[in-house]
Amino acid sequence: LTRYAVDVRAFGITFSVKKERFDLTGPIQLSWAHSMHPAETRYVQGTVVMPSEEDKAEQGTIWSSFTLPFAVFVGAGVVNAPIARQTGLNAVDVDLVLEGLWRGTQHRQARGRGTQQPQLLLHIEYENPFFRIGDLREELTLEPAPDAWRSGEAPSDIRGVTLDATRLGQTLDLHREKIHRCRLWKQPRLTLSGDLPDWIERFDDWQDL
C-alpha cells in the first residue's frame, strides 16, 4: 500500500479484515485550526417547499442552521521524519500534500462556513530532522484587536484585516542556521505587516513553484 498510495505514505492507514487488524501511523499530523479572534455564529432558519408528485400539493419543511459569516483560522502541521522513512514519504509527496492544502480549499463552498479560501501557507524544512522551533501560530497576531470583533463592527472579509508577522520573522531569523529551506505562499489580497527574512522563498500561487 505504501508503494502505490500517497495518502497512506502521508497519513497512515487502519483497516481490519475478520480477525486481522493493521495500523500504520502516518508521518504528517495536522492540528485543529482555531480562529485568531472572537468569532460568533449566527442562527438562521428557512423553509424548503417541495411539490408532491401524488396530489401536486406543496409540502413545506423548516430548516435551521448555524453560520459563520467571516473568520480567520490558523492551523499547524508537522512531518515526522523517522516515521516518514518507515512509510516511504518523499519530498514529492510532501509537495503534493502542500498543494492539496493550498489549492484543495480554494473557493470551497459550505453552507455553514460560506466560501473558504487559504490565505497564507508557510513550510519549513530543518537541517536536523529532530529539531523543531515549535508552534509558530503563537508568533502571528491579527489586527484589528479582539475588542473590535466584539463591538458589532467586525470585519466582513479578508481586506478588513492585517496579519502581523513581526514576531514570526524574528523567530525564523533567530533559528536561521537550523533551517534548510523555508517557503511561503500568500494570497495577494491578504495584508501582511512586519518584516519577514529575505531568504524565504515566496510564491503567489502554486504554479509559481
N, C-alpha and C. Protein backbone atom coordinates (compact mmCIF):
# COMPACT_ATOMS: atom_id res chain seq x y z
N LEU A 1 0.82 -1.21 0.00
CA LEU A 1 0.00 0.00 0.00
C LEU A 1 0.85 1.26 0.00
N THR A 2 1.92 1.29 0.79
CA THR A 2 2.75 2.48 0.82
C THR A 2 3.43 2.75 -0.52
N ARG A 3 3.59 1.70 -1.30
CA ARG A 3 4.24 1.87 -2.59
C ARG A 3 3.32 2.55 -3.60
N TYR A 4 2.02 2.31 -3.48
CA TYR A 4 1.09 2.79 -4.50
C TYR A 4 0.19 3.94 -4.05
N ALA A 5 0.05 4.17 -2.75
CA ALA A 5 -0.91 5.16 -2.25
C ALA A 5 -0.20 6.26 -1.47
N VAL A 6 -0.20 7.48 -2.03
CA VAL A 6 0.46 8.59 -1.37
C VAL A 6 -0.24 8.96 -0.07
N ASP A 7 -1.57 8.78 0.00
CA ASP A 7 -2.28 9.14 1.23
C ASP A 7 -1.88 8.22 2.38
N VAL A 8 -1.55 6.95 2.08
CA VAL A 8 -1.08 6.03 3.11
C VAL A 8 0.32 6.43 3.56
N ARG A 9 1.18 6.78 2.62
CA ARG A 9 2.52 7.22 2.98
C ARG A 9 2.49 8.49 3.82
N ALA A 10 1.50 9.35 3.58
CA ALA A 10 1.43 10.63 4.27
C ALA A 10 0.68 10.56 5.59
N PHE A 11 -0.48 9.87 5.60
CA PHE A 11 -1.36 9.93 6.77
C PHE A 11 -1.57 8.59 7.46
N GLY A 12 -0.97 7.53 6.91
CA GLY A 12 -1.13 6.23 7.54
C GLY A 12 -2.45 5.57 7.17
N ILE A 13 -2.74 4.44 7.83
CA ILE A 13 -3.95 3.69 7.50
C ILE A 13 -4.30 2.77 8.66
N THR A 14 -5.58 2.49 8.79
CA THR A 14 -6.08 1.50 9.74
C THR A 14 -7.15 0.68 9.04
N PHE A 15 -6.99 -0.65 9.05
CA PHE A 15 -8.05 -1.49 8.46
C PHE A 15 -8.05 -2.84 9.16
N SER A 16 -9.15 -3.50 9.02
CA SER A 16 -9.28 -4.83 9.63
C SER A 16 -10.09 -5.72 8.70
N VAL A 17 -9.73 -6.97 8.62
CA VAL A 17 -10.44 -7.99 7.84
C VAL A 17 -10.62 -9.21 8.74
N LYS A 18 -11.87 -9.47 9.08
CA LYS A 18 -12.18 -10.54 10.02
C LYS A 18 -11.43 -10.31 11.33
N LYS A 19 -10.51 -11.19 11.67
CA LYS A 19 -9.79 -11.04 12.94
C LYS A 19 -8.43 -10.38 12.76
N GLU A 20 -8.10 -10.03 11.53
CA GLU A 20 -6.82 -9.40 11.26
C GLU A 20 -6.97 -7.88 11.29
N ARG A 21 -6.06 -7.20 11.95
CA ARG A 21 -6.08 -5.76 12.06
C ARG A 21 -4.69 -5.21 11.78
N PHE A 22 -4.65 -4.08 11.07
CA PHE A 22 -3.36 -3.48 10.72
C PHE A 22 -3.43 -1.98 10.93
N ASP A 23 -2.41 -1.43 11.57
CA ASP A 23 -2.31 0.02 11.80
C ASP A 23 -0.95 0.52 11.33
N LEU A 24 -0.97 1.64 10.65
CA LEU A 24 0.27 2.30 10.24
C LEU A 24 0.12 3.79 10.52
N THR A 25 0.93 4.30 11.41
CA THR A 25 0.88 5.71 11.76
C THR A 25 1.49 6.55 10.64
N GLY A 26 0.81 7.60 10.25
CA GLY A 26 1.31 8.47 9.20
C GLY A 26 2.24 9.55 9.74
N PRO A 27 3.23 9.97 8.95
CA PRO A 27 4.18 10.98 9.42
C PRO A 27 3.63 12.40 9.45
N ILE A 28 2.57 12.67 8.69
CA ILE A 28 2.01 14.02 8.67
C ILE A 28 0.87 14.12 9.66
N GLN A 29 1.01 15.02 10.61
CA GLN A 29 -0.01 15.24 11.63
C GLN A 29 -0.47 16.70 11.53
N LEU A 30 -1.77 16.90 11.36
CA LEU A 30 -2.34 18.25 11.25
C LEU A 30 -3.16 18.55 12.49
N SER A 31 -3.00 19.75 13.01
CA SER A 31 -3.74 20.15 14.20
C SER A 31 -5.11 20.70 13.81
N TRP A 32 -5.98 20.82 14.81
CA TRP A 32 -7.24 21.52 14.59
C TRP A 32 -6.93 23.01 14.38
N ALA A 33 -7.62 23.63 13.46
CA ALA A 33 -7.48 25.07 13.26
C ALA A 33 -8.38 25.80 14.25
N HIS A 34 -7.94 26.97 14.68
CA HIS A 34 -8.77 27.78 15.57
C HIS A 34 -8.78 29.22 15.08
N SER A 35 -9.82 29.96 15.43
CA SER A 35 -9.95 31.34 14.98
C SER A 35 -8.94 32.22 15.71
N MET A 36 -8.44 33.22 15.03
CA MET A 36 -7.45 34.13 15.60
C MET A 36 -8.11 35.30 16.33
N HIS A 37 -9.41 35.25 16.49
CA HIS A 37 -10.15 36.36 17.07
C HIS A 37 -11.46 35.83 17.62
N PRO A 38 -12.17 36.59 18.43
CA PRO A 38 -13.50 36.16 18.86
C PRO A 38 -14.42 36.00 17.65
N ALA A 39 -15.10 34.89 17.58
CA ALA A 39 -15.99 34.61 16.45
C ALA A 39 -17.36 34.20 16.97
N GLU A 40 -18.40 34.70 16.34
CA GLU A 40 -19.76 34.41 16.78
C GLU A 40 -20.57 33.84 15.61
N THR A 41 -21.16 32.69 15.83
CA THR A 41 -22.01 32.10 14.80
C THR A 41 -23.41 32.73 14.85
N ARG A 42 -24.11 32.62 13.75
CA ARG A 42 -25.47 33.15 13.66
C ARG A 42 -26.45 32.00 13.40
N TYR A 43 -27.58 32.08 14.08
CA TYR A 43 -28.61 31.07 13.91
C TYR A 43 -29.59 31.55 12.84
N VAL A 44 -29.76 30.77 11.80
CA VAL A 44 -30.66 31.14 10.70
C VAL A 44 -31.67 30.02 10.46
N GLN A 45 -32.84 30.41 9.98
CA GLN A 45 -33.90 29.47 9.63
C GLN A 45 -34.40 29.76 8.24
N GLY A 46 -34.97 28.73 7.63
CA GLY A 46 -35.54 28.89 6.30
C GLY A 46 -36.59 27.83 6.04
N THR A 47 -37.23 27.94 4.91
CA THR A 47 -38.27 26.98 4.53
C THR A 47 -37.99 26.45 3.14
N VAL A 48 -38.10 25.14 3.01
CA VAL A 48 -37.97 24.49 1.71
C VAL A 48 -39.33 23.92 1.32
N VAL A 49 -39.82 24.26 0.13
CA VAL A 49 -41.11 23.80 -0.36
C VAL A 49 -40.88 22.87 -1.54
N MET A 50 -41.43 21.65 -1.43
CA MET A 50 -41.28 20.65 -2.49
C MET A 50 -42.65 20.20 -2.94
N PRO A 51 -42.93 20.16 -4.25
CA PRO A 51 -44.23 19.68 -4.74
C PRO A 51 -44.36 18.17 -4.58
N SER A 52 -45.53 17.71 -4.21
CA SER A 52 -45.79 16.28 -4.07
C SER A 52 -46.20 15.73 -5.42
N GLU A 53 -45.64 14.59 -5.81
CA GLU A 53 -45.96 14.01 -7.11
C GLU A 53 -47.34 13.36 -7.11
N GLU A 54 -47.85 13.00 -5.95
CA GLU A 54 -49.15 12.32 -5.90
C GLU A 54 -50.31 13.28 -6.11
N ASP A 55 -50.38 14.32 -5.29
CA ASP A 55 -51.53 15.22 -5.41
C ASP A 55 -51.12 16.61 -5.86
N LYS A 56 -49.87 16.78 -6.26
CA LYS A 56 -49.35 18.05 -6.74
C LYS A 56 -49.40 19.15 -5.67
N ALA A 57 -49.67 18.77 -4.45
CA ALA A 57 -49.69 19.76 -3.37
C ALA A 57 -48.25 20.06 -2.94
N GLU A 58 -48.06 21.23 -2.39
CA GLU A 58 -46.74 21.63 -1.96
C GLU A 58 -46.54 21.30 -0.48
N GLN A 59 -45.42 20.66 -0.18
CA GLN A 59 -45.08 20.29 1.18
C GLN A 59 -43.90 21.16 1.63
N GLY A 60 -44.05 21.79 2.79
CA GLY A 60 -43.01 22.67 3.29
C GLY A 60 -42.23 22.04 4.44
N THR A 61 -40.95 22.31 4.48
CA THR A 61 -40.10 21.85 5.56
C THR A 61 -39.28 23.02 6.09
N ILE A 62 -39.24 23.15 7.41
CA ILE A 62 -38.45 24.21 8.03
C ILE A 62 -37.08 23.67 8.39
N TRP A 63 -36.06 24.41 8.03
CA TRP A 63 -34.70 24.02 8.36
C TRP A 63 -34.03 25.11 9.19
N SER A 64 -33.04 24.74 9.94
CA SER A 64 -32.29 25.70 10.73
C SER A 64 -30.81 25.33 10.69
N SER A 65 -29.95 26.33 10.88
CA SER A 65 -28.52 26.08 10.80
C SER A 65 -27.77 27.21 11.48
N PHE A 66 -26.54 26.92 11.91
CA PHE A 66 -25.65 27.94 12.43
C PHE A 66 -24.64 28.29 11.34
N THR A 67 -24.43 29.57 11.10
CA THR A 67 -23.49 30.01 10.08
C THR A 67 -22.41 30.88 10.71
N LEU A 68 -21.27 30.92 10.06
CA LEU A 68 -20.17 31.77 10.48
C LEU A 68 -19.88 32.72 9.33
N PRO A 69 -20.33 33.97 9.42
CA PRO A 69 -20.21 34.90 8.29
C PRO A 69 -18.77 35.12 7.82
N PHE A 70 -17.85 35.35 8.77
CA PHE A 70 -16.45 35.58 8.39
C PHE A 70 -15.56 35.31 9.59
N ALA A 71 -14.47 34.62 9.36
CA ALA A 71 -13.49 34.36 10.42
C ALA A 71 -12.16 33.99 9.77
N VAL A 72 -11.09 34.23 10.52
CA VAL A 72 -9.74 33.89 10.07
C VAL A 72 -9.23 32.78 10.98
N PHE A 73 -8.92 31.64 10.38
CA PHE A 73 -8.46 30.49 11.14
C PHE A 73 -6.98 30.22 10.86
N VAL A 74 -6.30 29.65 11.85
CA VAL A 74 -4.89 29.28 11.69
C VAL A 74 -4.71 27.86 12.19
N GLY A 75 -3.94 27.09 11.46
CA GLY A 75 -3.67 25.70 11.83
C GLY A 75 -2.18 25.40 11.67
N ALA A 76 -1.78 24.25 12.13
CA ALA A 76 -0.36 23.86 12.04
C ALA A 76 -0.25 22.38 11.72
N GLY A 77 0.90 21.99 11.24
CA GLY A 77 1.15 20.59 10.92
C GLY A 77 2.63 20.28 11.06
N VAL A 78 2.94 19.00 11.14
CA VAL A 78 4.33 18.58 11.27
C VAL A 78 4.53 17.29 10.50
N VAL A 79 5.72 17.15 9.93
CA VAL A 79 6.11 15.91 9.25
C VAL A 79 7.15 15.22 10.12
N ASN A 80 6.83 14.04 10.63
CA ASN A 80 7.73 13.29 11.48
C ASN A 80 8.72 12.51 10.60
N ALA A 81 9.99 12.91 10.63
CA ALA A 81 10.99 12.33 9.72
C ALA A 81 11.21 10.84 9.92
N PRO A 82 11.38 10.33 11.15
CA PRO A 82 11.58 8.88 11.31
C PRO A 82 10.40 8.06 10.78
N ILE A 83 9.18 8.51 11.03
CA ILE A 83 8.02 7.78 10.53
C ILE A 83 7.94 7.90 9.00
N ALA A 84 8.36 9.06 8.47
CA ALA A 84 8.36 9.24 7.01
C ALA A 84 9.26 8.21 6.34
N ARG A 85 10.38 7.90 6.97
CA ARG A 85 11.27 6.88 6.40
C ARG A 85 10.61 5.50 6.43
N GLN A 86 9.81 5.24 7.44
CA GLN A 86 9.12 3.96 7.53
C GLN A 86 8.05 3.80 6.45
N THR A 87 7.32 4.87 6.17
CA THR A 87 6.23 4.78 5.19
C THR A 87 6.70 5.05 3.77
N GLY A 88 7.92 5.60 3.62
CA GLY A 88 8.41 5.90 2.29
C GLY A 88 8.01 7.27 1.78
N LEU A 89 7.53 8.15 2.67
CA LEU A 89 7.15 9.51 2.25
C LEU A 89 8.38 10.25 1.74
N ASN A 90 8.25 10.91 0.57
CA ASN A 90 9.37 11.63 -0.01
C ASN A 90 9.01 13.08 -0.26
N ALA A 91 9.96 13.84 -0.78
CA ALA A 91 9.76 15.28 -0.99
C ALA A 91 8.64 15.57 -1.98
N VAL A 92 8.50 14.73 -2.99
CA VAL A 92 7.42 14.91 -3.97
C VAL A 92 6.06 14.73 -3.29
N ASP A 93 5.97 13.74 -2.41
CA ASP A 93 4.73 13.51 -1.67
C ASP A 93 4.38 14.72 -0.80
N VAL A 94 5.38 15.28 -0.14
CA VAL A 94 5.15 16.43 0.73
C VAL A 94 4.64 17.61 -0.08
N ASP A 95 5.23 17.84 -1.24
CA ASP A 95 4.77 18.93 -2.10
C ASP A 95 3.33 18.69 -2.56
N LEU A 96 2.99 17.44 -2.79
CA LEU A 96 1.62 17.12 -3.20
C LEU A 96 0.63 17.44 -2.08
N VAL A 97 1.00 17.13 -0.84
CA VAL A 97 0.14 17.45 0.30
C VAL A 97 0.02 18.96 0.47
N LEU A 98 1.14 19.68 0.31
CA LEU A 98 1.09 21.15 0.40
C LEU A 98 0.21 21.74 -0.68
N GLU A 99 0.30 21.18 -1.88
CA GLU A 99 -0.56 21.65 -2.97
C GLU A 99 -2.03 21.40 -2.65
N GLY A 100 -2.30 20.25 -2.02
CA GLY A 100 -3.68 19.97 -1.62
C GLY A 100 -4.18 20.94 -0.57
N LEU A 101 -3.32 21.30 0.38
CA LEU A 101 -3.70 22.27 1.40
C LEU A 101 -3.97 23.64 0.79
N TRP A 102 -3.15 24.02 -0.19
CA TRP A 102 -3.28 25.36 -0.78
C TRP A 102 -4.40 25.43 -1.81
N ARG A 103 -4.46 24.45 -2.69
CA ARG A 103 -5.42 24.51 -3.79
C ARG A 103 -6.72 23.77 -3.49
N GLY A 104 -6.66 22.81 -2.57
CA GLY A 104 -7.84 21.98 -2.32
C GLY A 104 -8.97 22.70 -1.64
N THR A 105 -8.67 23.81 -0.92
CA THR A 105 -9.74 24.55 -0.24
C THR A 105 -10.09 25.85 -0.93
N GLN A 106 -9.47 26.15 -2.05
CA GLN A 106 -9.78 27.39 -2.74
C GLN A 106 -11.22 27.38 -3.23
N HIS A 107 -11.95 28.42 -2.81
CA HIS A 107 -13.34 28.62 -3.24
C HIS A 107 -14.25 27.46 -2.84
N ARG A 108 -13.86 26.73 -1.81
CA ARG A 108 -14.71 25.63 -1.34
C ARG A 108 -15.96 26.20 -0.68
N GLN A 109 -17.11 25.66 -1.04
CA GLN A 109 -18.39 26.15 -0.54
C GLN A 109 -18.93 25.21 0.54
N ALA A 110 -19.36 25.80 1.65
CA ALA A 110 -20.02 25.05 2.71
C ALA A 110 -21.14 25.93 3.25
N ARG A 111 -22.31 25.36 3.46
CA ARG A 111 -23.47 26.17 3.84
C ARG A 111 -23.23 26.93 5.14
N GLY A 112 -22.62 26.26 6.12
CA GLY A 112 -22.43 26.91 7.42
C GLY A 112 -21.23 27.83 7.46
N ARG A 113 -20.24 27.60 6.57
CA ARG A 113 -19.00 28.38 6.63
C ARG A 113 -18.78 29.25 5.41
N GLY A 114 -19.68 29.21 4.45
CA GLY A 114 -19.52 30.04 3.27
C GLY A 114 -18.36 29.58 2.41
N THR A 115 -17.71 30.55 1.75
CA THR A 115 -16.58 30.27 0.88
C THR A 115 -15.30 30.22 1.69
N GLN A 116 -14.54 29.16 1.53
CA GLN A 116 -13.27 29.02 2.24
C GLN A 116 -12.12 29.32 1.28
N GLN A 117 -11.14 30.07 1.77
CA GLN A 117 -10.03 30.50 0.92
C GLN A 117 -8.74 30.50 1.72
N PRO A 118 -7.74 29.71 1.32
CA PRO A 118 -6.44 29.77 2.01
C PRO A 118 -5.78 31.11 1.74
N GLN A 119 -5.15 31.69 2.75
CA GLN A 119 -4.53 32.99 2.61
C GLN A 119 -3.01 32.96 2.76
N LEU A 120 -2.51 32.08 3.60
CA LEU A 120 -1.07 32.03 3.85
C LEU A 120 -0.67 30.59 4.18
N LEU A 121 0.41 30.14 3.56
CA LEU A 121 0.94 28.80 3.83
C LEU A 121 2.45 28.92 3.99
N LEU A 122 2.95 28.46 5.13
CA LEU A 122 4.38 28.52 5.42
C LEU A 122 4.89 27.10 5.65
N HIS A 123 5.94 26.73 4.91
CA HIS A 123 6.52 25.39 5.04
C HIS A 123 8.01 25.53 5.37
N ILE A 124 8.43 24.88 6.46
CA ILE A 124 9.81 24.96 6.92
C ILE A 124 10.43 23.57 6.92
N GLU A 125 11.62 23.46 6.33
CA GLU A 125 12.41 22.23 6.38
C GLU A 125 13.65 22.51 7.22
N TYR A 126 13.91 21.65 8.19
CA TYR A 126 15.03 21.85 9.10
C TYR A 126 16.26 21.05 8.67
N GLU A 127 17.43 21.57 9.04
CA GLU A 127 18.67 20.84 8.78
C GLU A 127 18.70 19.54 9.57
N ASN A 128 18.28 19.60 10.82
CA ASN A 128 18.20 18.43 11.69
C ASN A 128 16.74 17.98 11.75
N PRO A 129 16.42 16.79 11.27
CA PRO A 129 15.02 16.36 11.23
C PRO A 129 14.39 16.20 12.61
N PHE A 130 15.19 16.19 13.65
CA PHE A 130 14.66 16.05 15.00
C PHE A 130 14.46 17.41 15.69
N PHE A 131 14.83 18.49 15.00
CA PHE A 131 14.66 19.82 15.57
C PHE A 131 13.34 20.43 15.09
N ARG A 132 12.72 21.19 15.97
CA ARG A 132 11.50 21.90 15.61
C ARG A 132 11.42 23.17 16.45
N ILE A 133 11.13 24.29 15.82
CA ILE A 133 11.04 25.55 16.55
C ILE A 133 9.91 25.49 17.56
N GLY A 134 8.79 24.94 17.14
CA GLY A 134 7.61 24.92 17.99
C GLY A 134 6.39 25.40 17.23
N ASP A 135 5.34 25.68 17.95
CA ASP A 135 4.09 26.09 17.34
C ASP A 135 4.19 27.55 16.90
N LEU A 136 4.36 27.78 15.62
CA LEU A 136 4.56 29.14 15.10
C LEU A 136 3.27 29.94 15.04
N ARG A 137 2.14 29.32 15.32
CA ARG A 137 0.88 30.07 15.33
C ARG A 137 0.91 31.17 16.39
N GLU A 138 1.66 30.93 17.46
CA GLU A 138 1.75 31.91 18.53
C GLU A 138 2.55 33.14 18.13
N GLU A 139 3.27 33.06 17.00
CA GLU A 139 4.08 34.19 16.54
C GLU A 139 3.31 35.11 15.60
N LEU A 140 2.04 34.82 15.36
CA LEU A 140 1.22 35.63 14.47
C LEU A 140 0.13 36.34 15.27
N THR A 141 -0.13 37.57 14.95
CA THR A 141 -1.25 38.31 15.55
C THR A 141 -2.09 38.93 14.45
N LEU A 142 -3.35 39.14 14.78
CA LEU A 142 -4.29 39.65 13.79
C LEU A 142 -4.81 41.01 14.23
N GLU A 143 -4.89 41.91 13.30
CA GLU A 143 -5.49 43.22 13.52
C GLU A 143 -6.77 43.32 12.68
N PRO A 144 -7.85 43.86 13.25
CA PRO A 144 -7.95 44.59 14.50
C PRO A 144 -7.91 43.69 15.74
N ALA A 145 -7.79 44.33 16.89
CA ALA A 145 -7.69 43.64 18.17
C ALA A 145 -9.01 42.97 18.53
N PRO A 146 -8.99 42.03 19.50
CA PRO A 146 -10.21 41.29 19.86
C PRO A 146 -11.41 42.16 20.19
N ASP A 147 -11.21 43.34 20.83
CA ASP A 147 -12.34 44.18 21.20
C ASP A 147 -13.15 44.62 19.98
N ALA A 148 -12.47 44.82 18.87
CA ALA A 148 -13.18 45.26 17.65
C ALA A 148 -14.12 44.17 17.14
N TRP A 149 -13.75 42.92 17.36
CA TRP A 149 -14.59 41.81 16.90
C TRP A 149 -15.82 41.64 17.78
N ARG A 150 -15.76 42.17 19.00
CA ARG A 150 -16.90 42.08 19.91
C ARG A 150 -17.80 43.32 19.84
N SER A 151 -17.38 44.31 19.09
CA SER A 151 -18.08 45.59 19.09
C SER A 151 -19.29 45.63 18.16
N GLY A 152 -19.46 44.60 17.36
CA GLY A 152 -20.54 44.61 16.37
C GLY A 152 -20.11 45.20 15.04
N GLU A 153 -18.85 45.63 14.94
CA GLU A 153 -18.32 46.18 13.69
C GLU A 153 -17.12 45.36 13.22
N ALA A 154 -17.24 44.07 13.35
CA ALA A 154 -16.15 43.17 12.96
C ALA A 154 -15.96 43.19 11.44
N PRO A 155 -14.74 42.96 10.95
CA PRO A 155 -14.51 42.89 9.51
C PRO A 155 -15.37 41.82 8.86
N SER A 156 -15.73 42.06 7.62
CA SER A 156 -16.61 41.12 6.91
C SER A 156 -15.88 40.38 5.80
N ASP A 157 -14.63 40.74 5.51
CA ASP A 157 -13.85 39.99 4.52
C ASP A 157 -12.36 40.19 4.81
N ILE A 158 -11.52 39.49 4.06
CA ILE A 158 -10.09 39.46 4.34
C ILE A 158 -9.45 40.82 4.15
N ARG A 159 -10.06 41.71 3.36
CA ARG A 159 -9.47 43.03 3.15
C ARG A 159 -9.58 43.92 4.37
N GLY A 160 -10.36 43.49 5.36
CA GLY A 160 -10.53 44.29 6.57
C GLY A 160 -9.59 43.90 7.69
N VAL A 161 -8.68 42.96 7.44
CA VAL A 161 -7.76 42.52 8.50
C VAL A 161 -6.32 42.65 8.02
N THR A 162 -5.41 42.66 8.98
CA THR A 162 -3.97 42.67 8.71
C THR A 162 -3.31 41.61 9.57
N LEU A 163 -2.50 40.78 8.96
CA LEU A 163 -1.78 39.74 9.69
C LEU A 163 -0.38 40.25 10.01
N ASP A 164 -0.09 40.37 11.30
CA ASP A 164 1.21 40.88 11.74
C ASP A 164 2.16 39.71 11.94
N ALA A 165 3.22 39.67 11.13
CA ALA A 165 4.19 38.58 11.18
C ALA A 165 5.53 39.05 11.73
N THR A 166 5.53 40.13 12.51
CA THR A 166 6.78 40.66 13.05
C THR A 166 7.51 39.64 13.91
N ARG A 167 6.81 39.06 14.87
CA ARG A 167 7.43 38.07 15.77
C ARG A 167 7.84 36.82 15.00
N LEU A 168 7.04 36.44 14.00
CA LEU A 168 7.38 35.27 13.20
C LEU A 168 8.71 35.48 12.49
N GLY A 169 8.88 36.64 11.88
CA GLY A 169 10.14 36.93 11.19
C GLY A 169 11.32 36.90 12.13
N GLN A 170 11.16 37.44 13.33
CA GLN A 170 12.24 37.45 14.31
C GLN A 170 12.60 36.03 14.74
N THR A 171 11.58 35.20 14.94
CA THR A 171 11.82 33.82 15.36
C THR A 171 12.53 33.03 14.27
N LEU A 172 12.13 33.20 13.03
CA LEU A 172 12.79 32.50 11.93
C LEU A 172 14.24 32.93 11.79
N ASP A 173 14.50 34.22 11.91
CA ASP A 173 15.88 34.71 11.82
C ASP A 173 16.73 34.17 12.96
N LEU A 174 16.13 34.04 14.12
CA LEU A 174 16.85 33.53 15.29
C LEU A 174 17.34 32.10 15.07
N HIS A 175 16.57 31.33 14.30
CA HIS A 175 16.91 29.92 14.07
C HIS A 175 17.39 29.68 12.64
N ARG A 176 17.89 30.70 11.98
CA ARG A 176 18.26 30.61 10.57
C ARG A 176 19.22 29.45 10.29
N GLU A 177 20.23 29.25 11.14
CA GLU A 177 21.23 28.22 10.87
C GLU A 177 20.66 26.81 10.95
N LYS A 178 19.50 26.66 11.58
CA LYS A 178 18.89 25.34 11.72
C LYS A 178 17.83 25.07 10.64
N ILE A 179 17.60 26.06 9.79
CA ILE A 179 16.57 25.93 8.75
C ILE A 179 17.23 25.67 7.40
N HIS A 180 16.83 24.58 6.77
CA HIS A 180 17.36 24.23 5.46
C HIS A 180 16.66 25.02 4.35
N ARG A 181 15.35 25.13 4.48
CA ARG A 181 14.55 25.78 3.43
C ARG A 181 13.24 26.27 4.03
N CYS A 182 12.79 27.42 3.57
CA CYS A 182 11.52 27.96 4.04
C CYS A 182 10.77 28.55 2.85
N ARG A 183 9.53 28.11 2.66
CA ARG A 183 8.71 28.58 1.54
C ARG A 183 7.41 29.17 2.06
N LEU A 184 6.94 30.19 1.38
CA LEU A 184 5.72 30.88 1.80
C LEU A 184 4.84 31.18 0.59
N TRP A 185 3.57 30.83 0.73
CA TRP A 185 2.57 31.18 -0.28
C TRP A 185 1.60 32.18 0.35
N LYS A 186 1.25 33.25 -0.37
CA LYS A 186 0.35 34.27 0.15
C LYS A 186 -0.60 34.75 -0.93
N GLN A 187 -1.86 34.85 -0.57
CA GLN A 187 -2.83 35.43 -1.49
C GLN A 187 -2.60 36.94 -1.59
N PRO A 188 -2.71 37.51 -2.79
CA PRO A 188 -2.45 38.95 -2.95
C PRO A 188 -3.35 39.84 -2.11
N ARG A 189 -4.58 39.41 -1.82
CA ARG A 189 -5.50 40.27 -1.08
C ARG A 189 -5.18 40.35 0.41
N LEU A 190 -4.37 39.43 0.92
CA LEU A 190 -4.04 39.44 2.34
C LEU A 190 -2.98 40.51 2.62
N THR A 191 -3.26 41.38 3.59
CA THR A 191 -2.29 42.38 4.02
C THR A 191 -1.42 41.80 5.11
N LEU A 192 -0.11 41.77 4.84
CA LEU A 192 0.85 41.19 5.77
C LEU A 192 1.79 42.30 6.24
N SER A 193 1.85 42.52 7.56
CA SER A 193 2.74 43.53 8.11
C SER A 193 3.90 42.86 8.83
N GLY A 194 4.98 43.63 9.03
CA GLY A 194 6.16 43.06 9.66
C GLY A 194 7.14 42.57 8.61
N ASP A 195 8.40 42.61 8.94
CA ASP A 195 9.46 42.20 8.02
C ASP A 195 9.76 40.72 8.15
N LEU A 196 9.60 40.00 7.05
CA LEU A 196 9.99 38.59 7.01
C LEU A 196 11.37 38.49 6.36
N PRO A 197 12.18 37.52 6.75
CA PRO A 197 13.54 37.40 6.21
C PRO A 197 13.55 37.30 4.68
N ASP A 198 14.58 37.89 4.08
CA ASP A 198 14.70 37.88 2.62
C ASP A 198 14.99 36.49 2.09
N TRP A 199 15.51 35.59 2.94
CA TRP A 199 15.88 34.26 2.45
C TRP A 199 14.69 33.32 2.30
N ILE A 200 13.52 33.76 2.68
CA ILE A 200 12.31 32.94 2.50
C ILE A 200 11.90 32.97 1.03
N GLU A 201 11.64 31.82 0.45
CA GLU A 201 11.14 31.74 -0.93
C GLU A 201 9.65 32.08 -0.92
N ARG A 202 9.22 32.98 -1.77
CA ARG A 202 7.84 33.46 -1.75
C ARG A 202 7.14 33.17 -3.08
N PHE A 203 5.87 32.80 -2.96
CA PHE A 203 5.07 32.47 -4.14
C PHE A 203 3.68 33.07 -3.97
N ASP A 204 3.08 33.47 -5.10
CA ASP A 204 1.71 33.96 -5.09
C ASP A 204 0.71 32.85 -5.35
N ASP A 205 1.16 31.84 -6.09
CA ASP A 205 0.28 30.71 -6.39
C ASP A 205 1.13 29.48 -6.59
N TRP A 206 0.45 28.32 -6.61
CA TRP A 206 1.21 27.08 -6.68
C TRP A 206 1.93 26.92 -8.00
N GLN A 207 1.37 27.46 -9.07
CA GLN A 207 2.01 27.32 -10.38
C GLN A 207 3.36 28.01 -10.43
N ASP A 208 3.61 28.95 -9.48
CA ASP A 208 4.88 29.64 -9.48
C ASP A 208 6.02 28.80 -8.96
N LEU A 209 5.70 27.66 -8.34
CA LEU A 209 6.73 26.81 -7.73
C LEU A 209 7.66 26.24 -8.79
